[in-house]
Amino acid sequence: MKIIALGSGGWIPTSAKETSCFLIDTGESLIILDTGTGISRLGGYVELLNKYEEIHIIYSHYHLDHIIGLCYIGNWAKEKIINVYGPGNNLVNRACKDIITTFLSPPYFISVESIGKRVNFADYDLNGFFIGNIKINITEQIHTGKSYGITVGNYVHYATDTALNEGTFQAAKNVKLLLHDCWSMVNVNSMDHTSLQDIVDLQSRFRIEKVGLIHTNPNWKNANLLNIRNSISNKGSIVFVEDEMVFLF
């Protein structure tokens, strides 16, 4: 299992970080979690892409910084079957296909059917689903407009765009890596995002094997980043995720 951070930043791409996109090679399937601007880095992984005829894309939610890269993917996936999974009628009162088609259609872009050899859509719910032999679990999060946590087997739990939620850490208790939203240094009682202070506190209670800080604030300057790195330097279980960082399991 290989997990590659194509985009680890939040909201606005910067010179250092693209927005949310994580590439997962399970050995049997190729999975992408969200298609933020980080998918622009996919050109560096053509050899990996060539191993697979299908790409599975799973969305945590439909905010633009998490879906905009779907209009880029045709640059590398024209000959591939693309399977798109997202929260649907049972969770957000609209089908995944309806939402994505609204975004990827004239006059905004070419038709979504043009980005791959074939494009399939599936709504997910809280029962989760399978990609090959890998179970994908879905958990509720706290975020404006709704967002959902995604667990891929017992390897990774992806928790972008969520306020402090003990349920997230409970869901991630048995995985090897928790990728967690980190938007502020200290708790500001946000109903959309989580602070480093929150993460450190909950990590000390739940003892997740490894936590990767993602969806970080694009307004942070070098001094902020230095403070974060210093504050977690003695916590081997918490890492600051950089674009193109690779996790192997």
Protein backbone atom coordinates (compact mmCIF):
# COMPACT_ATOMS: atom_id res chain seq x y z
CA MET A 1 0.00 0.00 0.00
CA LYS A 2 1.40 3.35 -1.08
CA ILE A 3 -0.19 6.71 -0.25
CA ILE A 4 1.08 9.82 -2.04
CA ALA A 5 0.10 13.34 -1.01
CA LEU A 6 -0.45 15.12 -4.32
CA GLY A 7 -2.04 18.07 -2.54
CA SER A 8 -1.92 18.61 1.22
CA GLY A 9 -3.05 22.23 1.53
CA GLY A 10 -6.45 23.75 2.12
CA TRP A 11 -8.66 26.14 0.18
CA ILE A 12 -6.07 28.08 -1.86
CA PRO A 13 -3.07 26.54 -3.66
CA THR A 14 0.29 28.08 -2.77
CA SER A 15 3.81 27.80 -4.16
CA ALA A 16 4.43 24.97 -1.69
CA LYS A 17 1.08 23.23 -1.43
CA GLU A 18 -1.69 22.29 -3.84
CA THR A 19 -5.19 21.62 -2.51
CA SER A 20 -6.49 18.27 -1.33
CA CYS A 21 -5.65 15.21 -3.39
CA PHE A 22 -4.24 11.87 -2.24
CA LEU A 23 -3.21 9.01 -4.53
CA ILE A 24 -3.41 5.46 -3.17
CA ASP A 25 -1.95 2.37 -4.82
CA THR A 26 -3.40 -0.67 -3.06
CA GLY A 27 -1.55 -3.09 -5.32
CA GLU A 28 -4.91 -4.10 -6.84
CA SER A 29 -6.60 -0.73 -7.39
CA LEU A 30 -5.74 2.92 -7.90
CA ILE A 31 -7.72 5.25 -5.64
CA ILE A 32 -7.76 9.04 -5.48
CA LEU A 33 -9.19 10.83 -2.44
CA ASP A 34 -10.54 14.20 -3.62
CA THR A 35 -9.39 15.98 -6.75
CA GLY A 36 -8.16 19.37 -5.62
CA THR A 37 -5.45 21.19 -7.53
CA GLY A 38 -2.99 18.57 -6.29
CA ILE A 39 -4.09 16.35 -9.14
CA SER A 40 -1.95 18.59 -11.35
CA ARG A 41 1.01 16.60 -9.96
CA LEU A 42 -0.36 13.39 -11.49
CA GLY A 43 1.94 13.82 -14.47
CA GLY A 44 4.83 12.78 -12.25
CA TYR A 45 3.22 9.37 -11.67
CA VAL A 46 2.45 8.21 -15.20
CA GLU A 47 4.26 4.91 -14.62
CA LEU A 48 1.93 4.19 -11.70
CA LEU A 49 -1.12 5.23 -13.74
CA ASN A 50 -0.09 2.89 -16.53
CA LYS A 51 -0.44 -0.10 -14.18
CA TYR A 52 -4.21 0.36 -14.06
CA GLU A 53 -7.10 0.51 -16.51
CA GLU A 54 -9.44 2.08 -13.95
CA ILE A 55 -9.18 5.00 -11.54
CA HIS A 56 -11.43 5.17 -8.48
CA ILE A 57 -12.13 8.69 -7.19
CA ILE A 58 -13.76 9.14 -3.77
CA TYR A 59 -15.02 12.54 -2.67
CA SER A 60 -15.25 13.70 0.93
CA HIS A 61 -17.53 16.56 -0.15
CA TYR A 62 -18.09 18.87 -3.08
CA HIS A 63 -16.44 22.17 -2.17
CA LEU A 64 -14.55 23.52 -5.17
CA ASP A 65 -11.08 23.21 -3.66
CA HIS A 66 -11.72 19.44 -3.49
CA ILE A 67 -13.25 18.83 -6.92
CA ILE A 68 -11.70 21.40 -9.29
CA GLY A 69 -8.99 18.97 -10.45
CA LEU A 70 -11.52 16.63 -12.02
CA CYS A 71 -11.41 18.89 -15.07
CA TYR A 72 -7.62 18.27 -15.27
CA ILE A 73 -7.65 14.49 -15.08
CA GLY A 74 -8.43 13.94 -18.75
CA ASN A 75 -4.85 14.98 -19.49
CA TRP A 76 -3.71 11.61 -18.14
CA ALA A 77 -6.85 9.45 -18.07
CA LYS A 78 -8.49 9.72 -21.50
CA GLU A 79 -8.10 5.98 -22.06
CA LYS A 80 -9.11 4.92 -18.57
CA ILE A 81 -12.39 4.02 -16.91
CA ILE A 82 -13.08 6.53 -14.15
CA ASN A 83 -15.32 5.50 -11.25
CA VAL A 84 -16.53 8.40 -9.12
CA TYR A 85 -17.96 7.87 -5.63
CA GLY A 86 -19.46 10.65 -3.54
CA PRO A 87 -22.12 11.48 -0.97
CA GLY A 88 -25.48 11.21 -2.70
CA ASN A 89 -29.22 11.38 -2.20
CA ASN A 90 -29.22 9.71 1.21
CA LEU A 91 -26.66 12.16 2.61
CA VAL A 92 -26.84 15.44 0.67
CA ASN A 93 -30.20 15.14 -1.12
CA ARG A 94 -28.63 15.12 -4.58
CA ALA A 95 -26.98 12.37 -6.58
CA CYS A 96 -23.22 12.47 -7.01
CA LYS A 97 -23.64 12.34 -10.79
CA ASP A 98 -26.03 15.29 -10.74
CA ILE A 99 -23.63 17.43 -8.69
CA ILE A 100 -20.53 16.61 -10.72
CA THR A 101 -22.34 16.91 -14.05
CA THR A 102 -23.52 20.39 -13.09
CA PHE A 103 -19.90 21.36 -12.45
CA LEU A 104 -18.41 19.59 -15.49
CA SER A 105 -20.64 20.63 -18.35
CA PRO A 106 -20.89 23.55 -20.78
CA PRO A 107 -20.46 26.48 -20.43
CA TYR A 108 -18.06 25.80 -17.52
CA PHE A 109 -16.14 22.93 -19.12
CA ILE A 110 -16.54 20.06 -21.55
CA SER A 111 -18.97 17.29 -20.67
CA VAL A 112 -17.85 15.04 -17.81
CA GLU A 113 -18.17 12.02 -20.09
CA SER A 114 -15.21 13.37 -22.09
CA ILE A 115 -12.61 13.11 -19.32
CA GLY A 116 -12.13 9.34 -19.63
CA LYS A 117 -12.87 6.26 -21.70
CA ARG A 118 -15.96 5.77 -19.55
CA VAL A 119 -17.12 7.62 -16.44
CA ASN A 120 -19.27 5.84 -13.85
CA PHE A 121 -20.89 7.39 -10.78
CA ALA A 122 -22.00 5.88 -7.48
CA ASP A 123 -23.61 7.49 -4.44
CA TYR A 124 -22.22 6.30 -1.13
CA ASP A 125 -23.91 6.27 2.26
CA LEU A 126 -22.84 5.49 5.81
CA ASN A 127 -22.81 1.76 5.04
CA GLY A 128 -19.69 2.24 2.93
CA PHE A 129 -18.75 0.11 -0.07
CA PHE A 130 -15.98 -2.04 -1.55
CA ILE A 131 -13.34 -1.34 -4.16
CA GLY A 132 -12.09 -4.80 -5.02
CA ASN A 133 -11.30 -6.45 -1.69
CA ILE A 134 -10.81 -3.14 0.14
CA LYS A 135 -13.67 -1.96 2.36
CA ILE A 136 -14.31 1.77 2.24
CA ASN A 137 -15.97 3.04 5.41
CA ILE A 138 -17.76 6.39 5.56
CA THR A 139 -18.25 8.48 8.70
CA GLU A 140 -20.04 11.74 9.37
CA GLN A 141 -18.04 14.89 10.09
CA ILE A 142 -18.81 18.44 11.23
CA HIS A 143 -18.50 20.96 8.40
CA THR A 144 -20.61 23.58 6.65
CA GLY A 145 -22.43 21.89 3.79
CA LYS A 146 -21.46 18.46 5.18
CA SER A 147 -18.31 16.44 4.67
CA TYR A 148 -17.48 12.79 5.27
CA GLY A 149 -14.53 10.85 6.60
CA ILE A 150 -13.20 8.07 4.38
CA THR A 151 -11.44 4.96 5.71
CA VAL A 152 -9.57 2.79 3.20
CA GLY A 153 -9.23 -0.71 4.65
CA ASN A 154 -7.20 -0.63 7.85
CA TYR A 155 -4.61 1.66 6.26
CA VAL A 156 -5.78 5.25 6.20
CA HIS A 157 -8.59 7.42 7.52
CA TYR A 158 -9.00 10.67 5.59
CA ALA A 159 -10.54 13.47 7.65
CA THR A 160 -10.33 16.71 5.73
CA ASP A 161 -12.62 19.69 6.41
CA THR A 162 -13.97 18.77 9.81
CA ALA A 163 -14.35 20.49 13.14
CA LEU A 164 -13.18 18.78 16.32
CA ASN A 165 -14.90 15.40 16.42
CA GLU A 166 -13.99 12.53 18.73
CA GLY A 167 -15.83 10.20 16.35
CA THR A 168 -13.09 10.79 13.79
CA PHE A 169 -10.39 9.54 16.15
CA GLN A 170 -12.59 6.62 17.16
CA ALA A 171 -13.02 5.67 13.48
CA ALA A 172 -9.25 5.92 12.96
CA LYS A 173 -8.27 3.94 16.03
CA ASN A 174 -7.23 0.83 14.11
CA VAL A 175 -5.68 2.38 10.99
CA LYS A 176 -2.02 3.00 10.31
CA LEU A 177 -2.45 6.64 9.25
CA LEU A 178 -4.95 9.36 10.08
CA LEU A 179 -4.81 12.29 7.64
CA HIS A 180 -6.46 15.12 9.56
CA ASP A 181 -7.50 18.69 8.84
CA CYS A 182 -5.30 21.22 10.69
CA TRP A 183 -6.39 24.81 10.11
CA SER A 184 -5.32 26.73 13.22
CA MET A 185 -2.72 26.50 15.96
CA VAL A 186 -5.13 26.71 18.91
CA ASN A 187 -8.79 25.91 19.44
CA VAL A 188 -11.01 28.74 18.17
CA ASN A 189 -14.29 26.80 18.52
CA SER A 190 -14.58 26.45 14.76
CA MET A 191 -17.55 24.59 13.33
CA ASP A 192 -15.62 23.81 10.14
CA HIS A 193 -11.99 22.99 10.94
CA THR A 194 -9.68 21.56 13.62
CA SER A 195 -6.69 23.04 15.43
CA LEU A 196 -3.29 21.53 16.13
CA GLN A 197 -4.09 21.84 19.83
CA ASP A 198 -7.21 19.68 19.33
CA ILE A 199 -5.28 17.07 17.40
CA VAL A 200 -2.47 16.81 19.96
CA ASP A 201 -5.02 16.46 22.78
CA LEU A 202 -7.04 13.74 21.06
CA GLN A 203 -3.95 11.91 19.82
CA SER A 204 -2.74 11.63 23.42
CA ARG A 205 -6.05 9.97 24.32
CA PHE A 206 -6.66 7.72 21.32
CA ARG A 207 -3.03 6.78 20.49
CA ILE A 208 -3.45 6.67 16.71
CA GLU A 209 -0.37 5.03 15.14
CA LYS A 210 0.42 8.08 12.96
CA VAL A 211 -1.36 11.37 12.31
CA GLY A 212 -0.60 13.48 9.24
CA LEU A 213 -1.58 17.16 9.35
CA ILE A 214 -3.35 18.13 6.11
CA HIS A 215 -5.67 20.79 4.68
CA THR A 216 -3.40 23.35 6.31
CA ASN A 217 -4.06 27.07 6.31
CA PRO A 218 -2.74 28.80 3.14
CA ASN A 219 -2.26 32.03 5.12
CA TRP A 220 0.36 30.49 7.40
CA LYS A 221 3.76 32.12 7.00
CA ASN A 222 7.17 30.55 7.58
CA ALA A 223 7.05 31.52 11.26
CA ASN A 224 3.74 29.67 11.70
CA LEU A 225 5.11 26.59 9.98
CA LEU A 226 8.24 26.68 12.13
CA ASN A 227 6.09 26.87 15.27
CA ILE A 228 4.09 23.86 14.14
CA ARG A 229 7.17 21.81 13.34
CA ASN A 230 8.75 22.73 16.67
CA SER A 231 5.60 21.87 18.59
CA ILE A 232 5.41 18.36 17.10
CA SER A 233 9.16 17.67 16.89
CA ASN A 234 9.02 15.47 19.99
CA LYS A 235 5.81 13.73 18.90
CA GLY A 236 6.91 11.05 16.46
CA SER A 237 3.33 10.02 15.86
CA ILE A 238 2.35 13.42 14.38
CA VAL A 239 3.83 14.65 11.08
CA PHE A 240 3.34 17.76 8.98
CA VAL A 241 2.38 16.47 5.53
CA GLU A 242 4.13 18.06 2.55
CA ASP A 243 3.11 17.66 -1.08
CA GLU A 244 4.53 14.50 -2.66
CA MET A 245 5.23 12.94 0.72
CA VAL A 246 4.89 9.15 0.47
CA PHE A 247 3.60 6.72 3.11
CA LEU A 248 4.30 3.01 2.67
CA PHE A 249 2.50 0.22 4.54
